Amino acid sequence: MHSNPLKIKSYQKMLLKSMIFVCLITRAFIATAQTYEWSNISTEPSYVLPDISLEQLNAVPDVVTIDGREYYLTVYLSRDYMPIIPPGGKPLYTTIYFKSRDDQPIGSSLSVVAFWLVRSNFIWKDWILEDTLEPAKPGQIKLRHMTGPRLEPNTYIDVIAMVRDLSGKTFFLKAPKQFIRKTS
């Protein structure tokens, strides 16, 4: 049985058109993602994490009052040394819960945008994102960071969070002496 050359050519044209369409959609998606990713980030100094002195970080309160409501942090820190992990373990894994004392929903007016780790003269800082994989309970915002410094487990460190409201006003609060767990 012989194939019809016109059908093959027609099929090849359809395949080529499909490939071009996929390329155009992919290009549009990438352009949109790049626009979205960078549209909210400015190179202005206000978007660079501030350098805060050790004295200032140590003076950050454990509870902060914003618009008449009190907020605090609870933190989970761990280093993974499971047998399948390369020697030296994984970087510090951080989960931060930004909680209201009254357990009422926080809403979208506040967001935790960055955090600091402080121990003795050691200061480490980075941006942090809200964990949207697991819904947080009412009255809290759950955040995760998976690539922290390689601090020794079974030690303690202070965790300081930077909170912003919709007007851009910044607040700081601390969870002192948080234990770094070792999973193995």
Protein backbone atom coordinates (compact mmCIF):
# COMPACT_ATOMS: atom_id res chain seq x y z
CA MET A 1 0.00 0.00 0.00
CA HIS A 2 1.41 3.32 -1.06
CA SER A 3 0.86 6.49 0.90
CA ASN A 4 -0.52 9.54 -0.76
CA PRO A 5 2.19 12.24 -1.07
CA LEU A 6 -0.42 14.99 -0.75
CA LYS A 7 -1.59 13.61 2.59
CA ILE A 8 1.98 13.52 3.89
CA LYS A 9 2.59 17.09 2.81
CA SER A 10 -0.68 18.18 4.37
CA TYR A 11 0.23 16.38 7.60
CA GLN A 12 3.68 17.98 7.60
CA LYS A 13 2.13 21.46 7.14
CA MET A 14 -0.28 20.81 10.01
CA LEU A 15 2.57 19.59 12.22
CA LEU A 16 4.68 22.64 11.34
CA LYS A 17 1.76 24.98 12.10
CA SER A 18 1.23 23.23 15.45
CA MET A 19 4.90 23.55 16.33
CA ILE A 20 4.88 27.25 15.45
CA PHE A 21 1.74 27.74 17.54
CA VAL A 22 3.34 25.98 20.54
CA CYS A 23 6.48 28.12 20.15
CA LEU A 24 4.43 31.33 20.04
CA ILE A 25 2.38 30.32 23.09
CA THR A 26 5.57 29.36 24.96
CA ARG A 27 7.20 32.67 24.05
CA ALA A 28 4.11 34.60 25.18
CA PHE A 29 4.01 32.64 28.43
CA ILE A 30 7.69 33.30 29.14
CA ALA A 31 7.29 37.01 28.33
CA THR A 32 4.27 37.21 30.62
CA ALA A 33 6.07 35.35 33.40
CA GLN A 34 9.09 37.61 33.09
CA THR A 35 6.89 40.70 33.08
CA TYR A 36 4.98 39.48 36.11
CA GLU A 37 8.09 38.38 37.97
CA TRP A 38 9.90 41.67 37.56
CA SER A 39 6.98 44.10 37.49
CA ASN A 40 6.75 44.20 41.30
CA ILE A 41 10.49 44.41 41.92
CA SER A 42 12.24 47.72 41.78
CA THR A 43 15.92 48.46 41.81
CA GLU A 44 15.18 51.35 44.14
CA PRO A 45 16.91 51.04 47.53
CA SER A 46 13.57 50.51 49.30
CA TYR A 47 13.44 47.00 47.79
CA VAL A 48 16.89 46.02 49.02
CA LEU A 49 16.88 44.36 52.40
CA PRO A 50 18.18 46.91 54.85
CA ASP A 51 21.38 46.40 56.80
CA ILE A 52 20.32 46.44 60.41
CA SER A 53 22.84 46.54 63.21
CA LEU A 54 23.11 43.73 65.73
CA GLU A 55 22.02 46.15 68.48
CA GLN A 56 18.88 47.08 66.53
CA LEU A 57 18.06 43.43 65.78
CA ASN A 58 18.51 42.48 69.43
CA ALA A 59 16.11 45.28 70.43
CA VAL A 60 13.26 44.04 68.21
CA PRO A 61 10.19 43.14 70.33
CA ASP A 62 8.60 39.68 70.57
CA VAL A 63 5.12 41.14 70.00
CA VAL A 64 4.13 43.99 67.71
CA THR A 65 0.89 45.98 67.71
CA ILE A 66 -0.46 47.00 64.31
CA ASP A 67 -3.78 48.86 64.03
CA GLY A 68 -4.68 47.89 67.58
CA ARG A 69 -4.04 44.15 67.10
CA GLU A 70 -1.12 42.20 68.57
CA TYR A 71 0.98 39.81 66.48
CA TYR A 72 3.76 37.33 67.29
CA LEU A 73 5.84 34.60 65.61
CA THR A 74 6.22 30.89 66.04
CA VAL A 75 9.05 29.23 64.13
CA TYR A 76 10.16 25.76 63.05
CA LEU A 77 13.84 25.34 62.01
CA SER A 78 15.52 22.16 60.82
CA ARG A 79 18.51 20.72 58.97
CA ASP A 80 18.06 17.47 57.06
CA TYR A 81 20.78 14.83 57.45
CA MET A 82 18.81 11.82 56.17
CA PRO A 83 21.01 9.02 54.75
CA ILE A 84 20.10 9.94 51.16
CA ILE A 85 21.29 13.53 51.68
CA PRO A 86 24.89 14.37 50.66
CA PRO A 87 27.41 14.78 53.51
CA GLY A 88 27.00 18.05 55.36
CA GLY A 89 23.20 18.00 55.19
CA LYS A 90 20.73 20.28 53.48
CA PRO A 91 20.58 24.04 54.14
CA LEU A 92 18.41 25.37 56.94
CA TYR A 93 14.68 24.87 56.41
CA THR A 94 12.56 27.59 58.02
CA THR A 95 8.82 27.76 58.60
CA ILE A 96 7.52 30.97 60.14
CA TYR A 97 3.98 31.47 61.42
CA PHE A 98 2.95 35.12 61.74
CA LYS A 99 0.01 34.98 64.18
CA SER A 100 -2.57 37.33 65.63
CA ARG A 101 -3.20 37.13 69.38
CA ASP A 102 -6.96 37.33 68.83
CA ASP A 103 -6.96 34.47 66.23
CA GLN A 104 -9.03 36.63 63.89
CA PRO A 105 -8.15 36.47 60.16
CA ILE A 106 -5.20 38.65 59.21
CA GLY A 107 -6.41 39.36 55.69
CA SER A 108 -4.32 40.78 52.88
CA SER A 109 -3.41 44.08 54.54
CA LEU A 110 -0.22 42.64 56.12
CA SER A 111 2.52 40.52 54.64
CA VAL A 112 5.77 39.09 55.97
CA VAL A 113 8.38 39.84 53.33
CA ALA A 114 11.78 39.06 54.86
CA PHE A 115 13.51 37.55 57.86
CA TRP A 116 16.81 37.65 59.72
CA LEU A 117 18.64 34.95 61.67
CA VAL A 118 20.81 36.25 64.51
CA ARG A 119 23.22 34.47 66.86
CA SER A 120 26.09 36.27 68.63
CA ASN A 121 27.76 38.28 65.83
CA PHE A 122 26.23 36.16 63.04
CA ILE A 123 23.52 37.89 60.96
CA TRP A 124 21.85 36.30 57.92
CA LYS A 125 18.88 37.74 55.99
CA ASP A 126 16.70 36.89 53.01
CA TRP A 127 13.30 37.43 51.42
CA ILE A 128 10.56 34.93 52.31
CA LEU A 129 7.36 33.89 50.55
CA GLU A 130 4.00 32.88 51.88
CA ASP A 131 3.39 29.14 51.76
CA THR A 132 0.37 28.67 49.54
CA LEU A 133 0.63 24.86 49.33
CA GLU A 134 -1.06 24.35 52.68
CA PRO A 135 -3.75 26.80 53.74
CA ALA A 136 -2.90 28.59 56.96
CA LYS A 137 -5.29 28.57 59.87
CA PRO A 138 -7.36 31.71 60.46
CA GLY A 139 -5.35 34.29 62.36
CA GLN A 140 -1.99 33.31 60.88
CA ILE A 141 0.20 33.53 57.79
CA LYS A 142 2.48 30.58 57.08
CA LEU A 143 5.81 31.20 55.34
CA ARG A 144 8.59 28.86 54.22
CA HIS A 145 12.23 29.26 53.25
CA MET A 146 14.24 26.23 52.17
CA THR A 147 17.75 27.51 51.38
CA GLY A 148 19.02 29.07 54.57
CA PRO A 149 22.56 28.97 55.92
CA ARG A 150 24.15 25.70 57.04
CA LEU A 151 23.94 26.36 60.78
CA GLU A 152 24.71 23.61 63.25
CA PRO A 153 21.66 21.67 64.44
CA ASN A 154 20.77 21.33 68.13
CA THR A 155 21.57 25.01 68.66
CA TYR A 156 19.45 28.13 69.13
CA ILE A 157 19.04 31.26 67.02
CA ASP A 158 16.85 34.37 67.05
CA VAL A 159 14.44 34.78 64.13
CA ILE A 160 13.27 38.29 63.19
CA ALA A 161 10.55 38.98 60.64
CA MET A 162 9.87 42.13 58.65
CA VAL A 163 6.17 42.85 58.12
CA ARG A 164 4.72 45.43 55.71
CA ASP A 165 1.25 46.86 55.51
CA LEU A 166 -0.45 48.10 52.33
CA SER A 167 0.87 51.64 52.84
CA GLY A 168 4.45 50.32 52.91
CA LYS A 169 4.95 50.87 56.63
CA THR A 170 7.42 48.35 58.06
CA PHE A 171 7.27 46.51 61.39
CA PHE A 172 9.72 44.07 62.97
CA LEU A 173 9.12 41.30 65.50
CA LYS A 174 11.27 38.53 66.93
CA ALA A 175 10.99 34.90 67.99
CA PRO A 176 14.00 34.58 70.32
CA LYS A 177 16.04 31.43 70.96
CA GLN A 178 14.53 29.13 68.34
CA PHE A 179 15.85 25.55 68.32
CA ILE A 180 17.38 24.15 65.11
CA ARG A 181 16.32 20.49 64.83
CA LYS A 182 18.33 17.77 63.14
CA THR A 183 16.41 15.22 61.08
CA SER A 184 18.25 12.03 60.26
